[in-house]
Every structure is written in C-alpha cells, then in structure tokens.
Amino acid sequence: MPGDTLTLHLIRHAPTLPNAQRRYPHPHEDAPLTPAGAELARRLDLPRGALAFTSPLGRARQTARLAGFPDALPQPALAEASFGVMAGHTWTELEAAHGEAPRTWIDALSDPHSPHGPPGGDTGHSFHARVQAWLDTLPAGEAVAFTHAGPLLAALRLTVGLSAAATPPGTVATLRREGGHWWLTALRPPT
C-alpha cells in the first residue's frame, strides 16, 4: 500500500578520536567529534523535512545537530552495543590478551539469534531485538537516524539480510520499506 512506505536514512556518527584509535567504546563514552568529523557532519546531505532520531550518546547528537537536525529525538535503541570486556581496547590488544575469543564474541554479537556476546556486554539476540523493536515503531514517511556502526549494521542484517558492510564514520545507508518488505537503496561512504 502506498501509505505505508518509509524511507529511512541511517547515519553513522562522524569521526571521533576513539574511532581513529580503532578502540571499542565504553557504553556511556561521549567522545566529541574531531574537527574533521565536525566538518564532515556539516556536509551531510539529508532530507531536511524528515522525522529525525538520534542515539542518546554525544557523538551522534553532535552529528545530528551539525547536520541540521538539532531537535532529533533521542532513542536508546540507537545507542551502540555494549562491548563488555572489549570496551576501551583495540582489536590487537584484545587478541594479545584473549587469543581467538574476541572473534567468537563479535561473531555472536553479530548474530541476531545468538544468546552469546562479549563477556559483560550485549548478546547478539538482545542487541538485535532492541534495534528490531525500534524499526517496528517507525511510521510511514521519511526518517533520518543518527547512530553507531553496531546499530546501523544490525538494521541492515534485520531488514535486508546484509551480513557485513564497510561503514566508516559518516556513512549513510538508505533503506525503503513498502508492503512490509525492505530494500537497501543506497550505501554512501563519507565524502
């Protein structure tokens, strides 16, 4: 039905210093955007009249504000996954300390049906259920959502079955929902 069509633009927040360090974030970490990240956020080309949502975390809120959406509605479902023991560490540090275990943890977190994830963090099932519950509430029309790599990738898995994609900070993924079906219409890296 034409009246149930939704176009959803999912935006990974612009770059922060922890992104450059390739460190997994702590759950409530609010690193500000780098100067280059702030400039990238200002250049985002998004539909101004869209309903706007944001992760409650500062880096996503700052990206939304600089992109022209200062009144974006905070949504806890758009917050990054909780990485438990992985938080604050780089992949190299994690492999040095835990061997192959971090790969198992990330694979579990990336599986919508997995009851496992990083120790002390989200499970794949709980994380994806949070994102799915938010997707299920979206009305017809056009929406933008400022979020993080994890929720963006989870939404792509849940809607179009895309299991992996490169989504550097500033990436915009555009999805279309019509008649209960989803399509990925664009995946734009930052420019």
N, C-alpha and C. Protein backbone atom coordinates (compact mmCIF):
# COMPACT_ATOMS: atom_id res chain seq x y z
N MET A 1 0.83 -1.18 0.00
CA MET A 1 0.00 0.00 0.00
C MET A 1 0.88 1.24 0.00
N PRO A 2 0.58 2.24 -0.82
CA PRO A 2 1.41 3.44 -0.90
C PRO A 2 1.54 4.15 0.43
N GLY A 3 0.52 4.11 1.29
CA GLY A 3 0.54 4.85 2.54
C GLY A 3 1.48 4.31 3.58
N ASP A 4 2.04 3.12 3.39
CA ASP A 4 2.92 2.55 4.41
C ASP A 4 4.39 2.63 4.02
N THR A 5 4.71 3.38 2.99
CA THR A 5 6.09 3.47 2.52
C THR A 5 6.93 4.33 3.46
N LEU A 6 8.12 3.82 3.77
CA LEU A 6 9.07 4.54 4.62
C LEU A 6 10.41 4.58 3.92
N THR A 7 11.04 5.73 3.92
CA THR A 7 12.44 5.85 3.51
C THR A 7 13.21 6.21 4.77
N LEU A 8 14.19 5.38 5.11
CA LEU A 8 14.97 5.53 6.34
C LEU A 8 16.44 5.73 5.99
N HIS A 9 16.99 6.84 6.45
CA HIS A 9 18.41 7.13 6.26
C HIS A 9 19.11 6.89 7.61
N LEU A 10 19.96 5.88 7.68
CA LEU A 10 20.72 5.58 8.89
C LEU A 10 22.12 6.18 8.72
N ILE A 11 22.53 6.99 9.67
CA ILE A 11 23.80 7.69 9.57
C ILE A 11 24.70 7.27 10.72
N ARG A 12 25.90 6.76 10.38
CA ARG A 12 26.87 6.52 11.45
C ARG A 12 27.47 7.86 11.80
N HIS A 13 27.55 8.16 13.09
CA HIS A 13 28.08 9.45 13.54
C HIS A 13 29.43 9.74 12.88
N ALA A 14 29.78 11.02 12.81
CA ALA A 14 31.04 11.45 12.23
C ALA A 14 32.21 11.05 13.14
N PRO A 15 33.44 11.10 12.62
CA PRO A 15 34.61 10.59 13.35
C PRO A 15 34.91 11.26 14.69
N THR A 16 35.40 10.41 15.62
CA THR A 16 35.89 10.83 16.93
C THR A 16 37.31 10.30 17.09
N LEU A 17 38.01 10.73 18.12
CA LEU A 17 39.36 10.23 18.37
C LEU A 17 39.36 8.71 18.62
N PRO A 18 38.43 8.15 19.43
CA PRO A 18 38.43 6.69 19.60
C PRO A 18 38.23 5.94 18.28
N ASN A 19 37.48 6.52 17.32
CA ASN A 19 37.37 5.89 16.01
C ASN A 19 38.75 5.80 15.36
N ALA A 20 39.50 6.90 15.40
CA ALA A 20 40.83 6.92 14.79
C ALA A 20 41.76 5.92 15.47
N GLN A 21 41.56 5.74 16.77
CA GLN A 21 42.38 4.78 17.53
C GLN A 21 41.90 3.35 17.35
N ARG A 22 40.72 3.18 16.72
CA ARG A 22 40.11 1.86 16.47
C ARG A 22 39.87 1.11 17.79
N ARG A 23 39.39 1.86 18.79
CA ARG A 23 39.10 1.34 20.12
C ARG A 23 37.61 1.09 20.26
N TYR A 24 37.23 -0.03 20.88
CA TYR A 24 35.82 -0.28 21.18
C TYR A 24 35.39 0.68 22.29
N PRO A 25 34.23 1.33 22.13
CA PRO A 25 33.81 2.33 23.12
C PRO A 25 33.24 1.72 24.38
N HIS A 26 33.36 2.47 25.47
CA HIS A 26 32.66 2.14 26.70
C HIS A 26 31.19 2.51 26.50
N PRO A 27 30.25 1.89 27.22
CA PRO A 27 28.82 2.11 26.98
C PRO A 27 28.37 3.57 27.02
N HIS A 28 28.90 4.38 27.92
CA HIS A 28 28.43 5.76 28.03
C HIS A 28 29.51 6.76 27.61
N GLU A 29 30.47 6.29 26.85
CA GLU A 29 31.56 7.15 26.38
C GLU A 29 30.99 8.23 25.45
N ASP A 30 31.36 9.46 25.70
CA ASP A 30 30.84 10.57 24.91
C ASP A 30 31.97 11.38 24.29
N ALA A 31 32.83 10.71 23.54
CA ALA A 31 33.93 11.42 22.88
C ALA A 31 33.34 12.38 21.85
N PRO A 32 33.80 13.63 21.85
CA PRO A 32 33.30 14.59 20.86
C PRO A 32 33.85 14.28 19.47
N LEU A 33 33.23 14.86 18.47
CA LEU A 33 33.73 14.72 17.11
C LEU A 33 35.07 15.42 16.99
N THR A 34 35.93 14.89 16.13
CA THR A 34 37.18 15.59 15.81
C THR A 34 36.82 16.81 14.95
N PRO A 35 37.73 17.76 14.79
CA PRO A 35 37.44 18.88 13.89
C PRO A 35 37.06 18.41 12.47
N ALA A 36 37.75 17.40 11.96
CA ALA A 36 37.39 16.85 10.64
C ALA A 36 36.02 16.18 10.69
N GLY A 37 35.70 15.55 11.82
CA GLY A 37 34.39 14.93 11.98
C GLY A 37 33.27 15.97 11.99
N ALA A 38 33.51 17.09 12.66
CA ALA A 38 32.51 18.16 12.70
C ALA A 38 32.27 18.71 11.30
N GLU A 39 33.35 18.88 10.53
CA GLU A 39 33.21 19.37 9.16
C GLU A 39 32.44 18.36 8.30
N LEU A 40 32.74 17.09 8.46
CA LEU A 40 32.01 16.05 7.71
C LEU A 40 30.52 16.10 8.06
N ALA A 41 30.19 16.23 9.33
CA ALA A 41 28.79 16.29 9.77
C ALA A 41 28.07 17.46 9.11
N ARG A 42 28.72 18.59 9.00
CA ARG A 42 28.10 19.77 8.37
C ARG A 42 27.82 19.54 6.89
N ARG A 43 28.60 18.66 6.25
CA ARG A 43 28.44 18.40 4.81
C ARG A 43 27.41 17.31 4.50
N LEU A 44 26.88 16.63 5.50
CA LEU A 44 25.91 15.56 5.23
C LEU A 44 24.70 16.11 4.50
N ASP A 45 24.32 15.46 3.43
CA ASP A 45 23.19 15.90 2.60
C ASP A 45 22.00 14.98 2.89
N LEU A 46 21.11 15.46 3.75
CA LEU A 46 19.97 14.66 4.20
C LEU A 46 18.68 15.46 4.03
N PRO A 47 17.54 14.77 3.88
CA PRO A 47 16.27 15.49 3.68
C PRO A 47 15.85 16.26 4.94
N ARG A 48 15.81 17.57 4.84
CA ARG A 48 15.55 18.44 5.99
C ARG A 48 14.18 18.24 6.62
N GLY A 49 13.19 17.83 5.87
CA GLY A 49 11.85 17.69 6.43
C GLY A 49 11.59 16.34 7.07
N ALA A 50 12.60 15.48 7.14
CA ALA A 50 12.41 14.12 7.67
C ALA A 50 12.26 14.12 9.18
N LEU A 51 11.52 13.14 9.68
CA LEU A 51 11.46 12.87 11.11
C LEU A 51 12.86 12.45 11.54
N ALA A 52 13.39 13.02 12.61
CA ALA A 52 14.79 12.77 12.98
C ALA A 52 14.91 12.12 14.35
N PHE A 53 15.77 11.10 14.40
CA PHE A 53 16.08 10.37 15.63
C PHE A 53 17.59 10.38 15.82
N THR A 54 18.02 10.17 17.06
CA THR A 54 19.45 10.07 17.34
C THR A 54 19.68 9.14 18.52
N SER A 55 20.85 8.54 18.52
CA SER A 55 21.33 7.85 19.71
C SER A 55 21.43 8.90 20.81
N PRO A 56 21.24 8.50 22.07
CA PRO A 56 21.40 9.49 23.15
C PRO A 56 22.85 9.88 23.40
N LEU A 57 23.81 9.21 22.78
CA LEU A 57 25.21 9.50 23.05
C LEU A 57 25.67 10.75 22.31
N GLY A 58 26.60 11.48 22.93
CA GLY A 58 27.02 12.79 22.46
C GLY A 58 27.51 12.84 21.03
N ARG A 59 28.29 11.86 20.59
CA ARG A 59 28.84 11.91 19.24
C ARG A 59 27.76 11.84 18.17
N ALA A 60 26.70 11.09 18.44
CA ALA A 60 25.58 11.02 17.49
C ALA A 60 24.74 12.29 17.57
N ARG A 61 24.49 12.78 18.78
CA ARG A 61 23.72 14.03 18.93
C ARG A 61 24.44 15.20 18.27
N GLN A 62 25.78 15.26 18.44
CA GLN A 62 26.57 16.33 17.83
C GLN A 62 26.51 16.23 16.31
N THR A 63 26.59 15.02 15.77
CA THR A 63 26.48 14.83 14.32
C THR A 63 25.12 15.31 13.84
N ALA A 64 24.06 14.93 14.55
CA ALA A 64 22.70 15.35 14.16
C ALA A 64 22.58 16.86 14.16
N ARG A 65 23.06 17.50 15.22
CA ARG A 65 22.96 18.96 15.33
C ARG A 65 23.70 19.64 14.19
N LEU A 66 24.95 19.22 13.92
CA LEU A 66 25.75 19.85 12.87
C LEU A 66 25.20 19.57 11.48
N ALA A 67 24.49 18.45 11.33
CA ALA A 67 23.89 18.09 10.03
C ALA A 67 22.57 18.81 9.80
N GLY A 68 22.11 19.59 10.79
CA GLY A 68 20.89 20.37 10.62
C GLY A 68 19.66 19.79 11.30
N PHE A 69 19.87 18.87 12.28
CA PHE A 69 18.76 18.24 12.98
C PHE A 69 18.94 18.40 14.50
N PRO A 70 18.91 19.66 15.00
CA PRO A 70 19.15 19.88 16.43
C PRO A 70 18.06 19.31 17.33
N ASP A 71 16.88 19.05 16.78
CA ASP A 71 15.78 18.54 17.59
C ASP A 71 15.53 17.05 17.39
N ALA A 72 16.54 16.32 16.88
CA ALA A 72 16.40 14.87 16.70
C ALA A 72 16.03 14.22 18.03
N LEU A 73 15.10 13.29 17.98
CA LEU A 73 14.59 12.63 19.19
C LEU A 73 15.53 11.52 19.65
N PRO A 74 16.05 11.61 20.88
CA PRO A 74 16.94 10.55 21.39
C PRO A 74 16.18 9.22 21.52
N GLN A 75 16.81 8.16 21.04
CA GLN A 75 16.24 6.82 21.09
C GLN A 75 17.28 5.87 21.67
N PRO A 76 17.05 5.30 22.86
CA PRO A 76 18.03 4.36 23.44
C PRO A 76 18.35 3.20 22.51
N ALA A 77 17.41 2.80 21.67
CA ALA A 77 17.65 1.67 20.75
C ALA A 77 18.76 1.97 19.75
N LEU A 78 19.06 3.25 19.53
CA LEU A 78 20.09 3.63 18.56
C LEU A 78 21.48 3.74 19.18
N ALA A 79 21.60 3.50 20.50
CA ALA A 79 22.91 3.52 21.16
C ALA A 79 23.74 2.33 20.69
N GLU A 80 25.04 2.48 20.78
CA GLU A 80 25.94 1.39 20.38
C GLU A 80 25.75 0.18 21.28
N ALA A 81 26.12 -0.98 20.78
CA ALA A 81 26.09 -2.21 21.58
C ALA A 81 27.03 -2.04 22.78
N SER A 82 26.75 -2.79 23.83
CA SER A 82 27.66 -2.84 24.96
C SER A 82 28.69 -3.92 24.68
N PHE A 83 29.97 -3.56 24.68
CA PHE A 83 31.04 -4.49 24.32
C PHE A 83 31.67 -5.18 25.52
N GLY A 84 31.16 -4.94 26.73
CA GLY A 84 31.65 -5.65 27.90
C GLY A 84 33.16 -5.53 28.05
N VAL A 85 33.85 -6.69 28.19
CA VAL A 85 35.30 -6.71 28.42
C VAL A 85 36.09 -6.14 27.25
N MET A 86 35.46 -5.96 26.10
CA MET A 86 36.16 -5.42 24.93
C MET A 86 36.28 -3.90 24.98
N ALA A 87 35.42 -3.25 25.77
CA ALA A 87 35.37 -1.79 25.81
C ALA A 87 36.71 -1.20 26.22
N GLY A 88 37.13 -0.17 25.49
CA GLY A 88 38.36 0.53 25.78
C GLY A 88 39.60 -0.07 25.14
N HIS A 89 39.44 -1.17 24.42
CA HIS A 89 40.59 -1.87 23.84
C HIS A 89 40.53 -1.89 22.32
N THR A 90 41.71 -2.00 21.71
CA THR A 90 41.79 -2.20 20.27
C THR A 90 41.75 -3.70 19.99
N TRP A 91 41.53 -4.05 18.72
CA TRP A 91 41.49 -5.47 18.34
C TRP A 91 42.83 -6.14 18.64
N THR A 92 43.94 -5.45 18.38
CA THR A 92 45.27 -6.01 18.64
C THR A 92 45.44 -6.32 20.13
N GLU A 93 45.01 -5.39 20.98
CA GLU A 93 45.10 -5.62 22.43
C GLU A 93 44.24 -6.80 22.85
N LEU A 94 43.05 -6.90 22.27
CA LEU A 94 42.14 -7.99 22.63
C LEU A 94 42.70 -9.34 22.21
N GLU A 95 43.25 -9.42 21.01
CA GLU A 95 43.84 -10.69 20.56
C GLU A 95 45.04 -11.06 21.42
N ALA A 96 45.86 -10.07 21.80
CA ALA A 96 47.02 -10.35 22.64
C ALA A 96 46.60 -10.90 24.00
N ALA A 97 45.50 -10.39 24.53
CA ALA A 97 45.04 -10.81 25.86
C ALA A 97 44.15 -12.05 25.84
N HIS A 98 43.38 -12.24 24.75
CA HIS A 98 42.36 -13.29 24.74
C HIS A 98 42.45 -14.27 23.57
N GLY A 99 43.47 -14.17 22.74
CA GLY A 99 43.62 -15.09 21.61
C GLY A 99 42.48 -14.97 20.61
N GLU A 100 41.85 -16.09 20.29
CA GLU A 100 40.77 -16.13 19.30
C GLU A 100 39.40 -15.77 19.88
N ALA A 101 39.29 -15.65 21.19
CA ALA A 101 37.99 -15.40 21.83
C ALA A 101 37.30 -14.14 21.31
N PRO A 102 37.99 -13.01 21.08
CA PRO A 102 37.29 -11.82 20.59
C PRO A 102 36.55 -12.06 19.27
N ARG A 103 37.09 -12.86 18.37
CA ARG A 103 36.41 -13.16 17.12
C ARG A 103 35.09 -13.87 17.42
N THR A 104 35.12 -14.82 18.35
CA THR A 104 33.91 -15.55 18.74
C THR A 104 32.89 -14.59 19.34
N TRP A 105 33.35 -13.66 20.18
CA TRP A 105 32.44 -12.71 20.82
C TRP A 105 31.77 -11.80 19.79
N ILE A 106 32.56 -11.29 18.84
CA ILE A 106 32.00 -10.38 17.83
C ILE A 106 31.06 -11.14 16.89
N ASP A 107 31.43 -12.36 16.52
CA ASP A 107 30.54 -13.17 15.68
C ASP A 107 29.20 -13.41 16.37
N ALA A 108 29.23 -13.68 17.68
CA ALA A 108 27.99 -13.89 18.44
C ALA A 108 27.18 -12.59 18.50
N LEU A 109 27.85 -11.47 18.74
CA LEU A 109 27.15 -10.18 18.82
C LEU A 109 26.51 -9.82 17.47
N SER A 110 27.10 -10.30 16.39
CA SER A 110 26.59 -10.02 15.04
C SER A 110 25.49 -10.97 14.60
N ASP A 111 25.15 -11.93 15.43
CA ASP A 111 24.12 -12.93 15.10
C ASP A 111 22.84 -12.60 15.85
N PRO A 112 21.77 -12.24 15.11
CA PRO A 112 20.51 -11.85 15.77
C PRO A 112 19.90 -12.93 16.67
N HIS A 113 20.33 -14.18 16.53
CA HIS A 113 19.74 -15.27 17.29
C HIS A 113 20.65 -15.79 18.41
N SER A 114 21.86 -15.24 18.51
CA SER A 114 22.84 -15.77 19.46
C SER A 114 22.55 -15.35 20.90
N PRO A 115 22.59 -16.31 21.83
CA PRO A 115 22.47 -15.97 23.25
C PRO A 115 23.81 -15.54 23.86
N HIS A 116 24.83 -15.37 23.01
CA HIS A 116 26.17 -15.03 23.49
C HIS A 116 26.62 -13.68 22.94
N GLY A 117 27.71 -13.19 23.49
CA GLY A 117 28.33 -11.94 23.07
C GLY A 117 29.57 -11.74 23.91
N PRO A 118 30.17 -10.56 23.88
CA PRO A 118 31.34 -10.31 24.72
C PRO A 118 30.97 -10.46 26.20
N PRO A 119 31.81 -11.09 27.02
CA PRO A 119 31.52 -11.18 28.45
C PRO A 119 31.24 -9.81 29.05
N GLY A 120 30.12 -9.72 29.75
CA GLY A 120 29.72 -8.47 30.38
C GLY A 120 29.03 -7.49 29.44
N GLY A 121 28.82 -7.88 28.17
CA GLY A 121 28.20 -6.99 27.19
C GLY A 121 26.89 -7.56 26.68
N ASP A 122 26.39 -6.98 25.60
CA ASP A 122 25.15 -7.44 24.98
C ASP A 122 25.33 -8.81 24.34
N THR A 123 24.24 -9.54 24.25
CA THR A 123 24.22 -10.75 23.43
C THR A 123 23.73 -10.36 22.04
N GLY A 124 24.01 -11.20 21.06
CA GLY A 124 23.51 -10.92 19.72
C GLY A 124 22.00 -10.78 19.72
N HIS A 125 21.32 -11.66 20.45
CA HIS A 125 19.87 -11.64 20.48
C HIS A 125 19.33 -10.35 21.12
N SER A 126 19.85 -9.98 22.29
CA SER A 126 19.33 -8.79 22.98
C SER A 126 19.60 -7.52 22.17
N PHE A 127 20.79 -7.43 21.59
CA PHE A 127 21.14 -6.25 20.81
C PHE A 127 20.24 -6.10 19.59
N HIS A 128 20.07 -7.17 18.82
CA HIS A 128 19.23 -7.10 17.62
C HIS A 128 17.75 -6.92 17.97
N ALA A 129 17.31 -7.49 19.08
CA ALA A 129 15.91 -7.31 19.50
C ALA A 129 15.64 -5.84 19.80
N ARG A 130 16.60 -5.16 20.40
CA ARG A 130 16.46 -3.72 20.70
C ARG A 130 16.31 -2.92 19.41
N VAL A 131 17.16 -3.22 18.41
CA VAL A 131 17.10 -2.49 17.14
C VAL A 131 15.81 -2.84 16.39
N GLN A 132 15.41 -4.12 16.41
CA GLN A 132 14.18 -4.53 15.71
C GLN A 132 12.95 -3.86 16.32
N ALA A 133 12.91 -3.77 17.64
CA ALA A 133 11.77 -3.13 18.30
C ALA A 133 11.64 -1.68 17.85
N TRP A 134 12.77 -0.98 17.69
CA TRP A 134 12.73 0.40 17.20
C TRP A 134 12.27 0.45 15.75
N LEU A 135 12.81 -0.42 14.90
CA LEU A 135 12.41 -0.45 13.49
C LEU A 135 10.90 -0.66 13.36
N ASP A 136 10.35 -1.50 14.23
CA ASP A 136 8.92 -1.82 14.18
C ASP A 136 8.03 -0.63 14.52
N THR A 137 8.58 0.40 15.17
CA THR A 137 7.78 1.57 15.56
C THR A 137 7.77 2.67 14.52
N LEU A 138 8.60 2.55 13.49
CA LEU A 138 8.76 3.65 12.53
C LEU A 138 7.53 3.82 11.67
N PRO A 139 7.00 5.05 11.60
CA PRO A 139 5.83 5.31 10.78
C PRO A 139 6.22 5.48 9.30
N ALA A 140 5.23 5.51 8.45
CA ALA A 140 5.45 5.80 7.04
C ALA A 140 5.99 7.22 6.90
N GLY A 141 6.65 7.47 5.80
CA GLY A 141 7.19 8.80 5.53
C GLY A 141 8.68 8.73 5.30
N GLU A 142 9.40 9.72 5.83
CA GLU A 142 10.85 9.77 5.68
C GLU A 142 11.46 10.05 7.03
N ALA A 143 12.53 9.33 7.35
CA ALA A 143 13.19 9.49 8.65
C ALA A 143 14.70 9.43 8.49
N VAL A 144 15.38 10.15 9.37
CA VAL A 144 16.83 10.06 9.48
C VAL A 144 17.13 9.60 10.91
N ALA A 145 18.19 8.79 11.04
CA ALA A 145 18.55 8.28 12.37
C ALA A 145 20.07 8.30 12.50
N PHE A 146 20.55 9.07 13.46
CA PHE A 146 21.98 9.20 13.72
C PHE A 146 22.37 8.17 14.77
N THR A 147 23.28 7.27 14.42
CA THR A 147 23.56 6.13 15.27
C THR A 147 25.04 5.78 15.20
N HIS A 148 25.36 4.52 15.42
CA HIS A 148 26.72 4.00 15.51
C HIS A 148 26.85 2.82 14.55
N ALA A 149 28.06 2.32 14.39
CA ALA A 149 28.30 1.21 13.46
C ALA A 149 27.45 -0.01 13.82
N GLY A 150 27.41 -0.37 15.10
CA GLY A 150 26.69 -1.58 15.50
C GLY A 150 25.21 -1.55 15.15
N PRO A 151 24.45 -0.52 15.59
CA PRO A 151 23.04 -0.48 15.25
C PRO A 151 22.78 -0.34 13.75
N LEU A 152 23.65 0.39 13.04
CA LEU A 152 23.48 0.52 11.60
C LEU A 152 23.61 -0.86 10.94
N LEU A 153 24.65 -1.60 11.30
CA LEU A 153 24.84 -2.94 10.74
C LEU A 153 23.74 -3.90 11.18
N ALA A 154 23.28 -3.78 12.42
CA ALA A 154 22.18 -4.63 12.89
C ALA A 154 20.92 -4.36 12.07
N ALA A 155 20.63 -3.10 11.80
CA ALA A 155 19.46 -2.76 10.99
C ALA A 155 19.58 -3.34 9.59
N LEU A 156 20.77 -3.29 9.01
CA LEU A 156 20.97 -3.88 7.67
C LEU A 156 20.79 -5.40 7.70
N ARG A 157 21.25 -6.05 8.76
CA ARG A 157 21.05 -7.50 8.89
C ARG A 157 19.56 -7.83 9.01
N LEU A 158 18.87 -7.07 9.85
CA LEU A 158 17.47 -7.36 10.15
C LEU A 158 16.54 -7.04 8.99
N THR A 159 16.86 -6.03 8.20
CA THR A 159 15.95 -5.60 7.14
C THR A 159 16.23 -6.26 5.80
N VAL A 160 17.50 -6.30 5.40
CA VAL A 160 17.83 -6.81 4.06
C VAL A 160 18.80 -7.99 4.09
N GLY A 161 19.13 -8.49 5.27
CA GLY A 161 19.97 -9.67 5.38
C GLY A 161 21.42 -9.44 5.01
N LEU A 162 21.88 -8.20 5.02
CA LEU A 162 23.27 -7.89 4.70
C LEU A 162 24.12 -8.21 5.91
N SER A 163 25.01 -9.19 5.79
CA SER A 163 25.74 -9.65 6.96
C SER A 163 26.97 -8.82 7.29
N ALA A 164 27.54 -8.13 6.31
CA ALA A 164 28.71 -7.30 6.58
C ALA A 164 28.79 -6.18 5.54
N ALA A 165 29.29 -5.04 5.98
CA ALA A 165 29.47 -3.89 5.09
C ALA A 165 30.48 -2.95 5.74
N ALA A 166 31.25 -2.27 4.91
CA ALA A 166 32.16 -1.24 5.41
C ALA A 166 31.32 0.01 5.70
N THR A 167 31.35 0.45 6.96
CA THR A 167 30.57 1.63 7.36
C THR A 167 31.44 2.58 8.18
N PRO A 168 32.41 3.23 7.54
CA PRO A 168 33.23 4.17 8.31
C PRO A 168 32.39 5.32 8.85
N PRO A 169 32.89 6.03 9.87
CA PRO A 169 32.14 7.16 10.40
C PRO A 169 31.70 8.10 9.28
N GLY A 170 30.44 8.51 9.34
CA GLY A 170 29.86 9.39 8.33
C GLY A 170 29.12 8.65 7.21
N THR A 171 29.11 7.32 7.25
CA THR A 171 28.38 6.53 6.25
C THR A 171 26.88 6.77 6.38
N VAL A 172 26.18 6.81 5.23
CA VAL A 172 24.72 6.92 5.20
C VAL A 172 24.18 5.71 4.45
N ALA A 173 23.34 4.93 5.11
CA ALA A 173 22.64 3.80 4.49
C ALA A 173 21.18 4.20 4.33
N THR A 174 20.65 4.05 3.13
CA THR A 174 19.25 4.41 2.89
C THR A 174 18.46 3.15 2.59
N LEU A 175 17.40 2.94 3.38
CA LEU A 175 16.51 1.78 3.25
C LEU A 175 15.12 2.27 2.87
N ARG A 176 14.40 1.40 2.18
CA ARG A 176 13.00 1.70 1.83
C ARG A 176 12.16 0.51 2.29
N ARG A 177 11.08 0.81 3.02
CA ARG A 177 10.12 -0.21 3.46
C ARG A 177 8.79 0.04 2.76
N GLU A 178 8.29 -0.99 2.13
CA GLU A 178 7.00 -0.88 1.47
C GLU A 178 6.32 -2.25 1.51
N GLY A 179 5.06 -2.26 1.93
CA GLY A 179 4.32 -3.52 1.99
C GLY A 179 4.97 -4.55 2.90
N GLY A 180 5.67 -4.07 3.94
CA GLY A 180 6.32 -4.98 4.88
C GLY A 180 7.66 -5.51 4.41
N HIS A 181 8.14 -5.09 3.24
CA HIS A 181 9.43 -5.54 2.69
C HIS A 181 10.41 -4.38 2.70
N TRP A 182 11.69 -4.70 2.89
CA TRP A 182 12.74 -3.70 2.93
C TRP A 182 13.68 -3.86 1.74
N TRP A 183 14.22 -2.73 1.25
CA TRP A 183 15.25 -2.70 0.22
C TRP A 183 16.33 -1.73 0.66
N LEU A 184 17.56 -2.07 0.36
CA LEU A 184 18.67 -1.14 0.53
C LEU A 184 18.78 -0.37 -0.78
N THR A 185 18.59 0.94 -0.73
CA THR A 185 18.62 1.73 -1.96
C THR A 185 19.92 2.49 -2.13
N ALA A 186 20.70 2.69 -1.06
CA ALA A 186 22.00 3.36 -1.17
C ALA A 186 22.83 3.07 0.07
N LEU A 187 24.13 2.96 -0.14
CA LEU A 187 25.10 2.85 0.93
C LEU A 187 26.24 3.80 0.55
N ARG A 188 26.21 5.00 1.16
CA ARG A 188 27.15 6.04 0.77
C ARG A 188 28.23 6.23 1.83
N PRO A 189 29.48 6.01 1.45
CA PRO A 189 30.57 6.30 2.38
C PRO A 189 30.72 7.81 2.53
N PRO A 190 31.43 8.26 3.56
CA PRO A 190 31.60 9.70 3.75
C PRO A 190 32.40 10.31 2.61
N THR A 191 32.11 11.58 2.35
CA THR A 191 32.86 12.29 1.30
C THR A 191 33.60 13.48 1.87
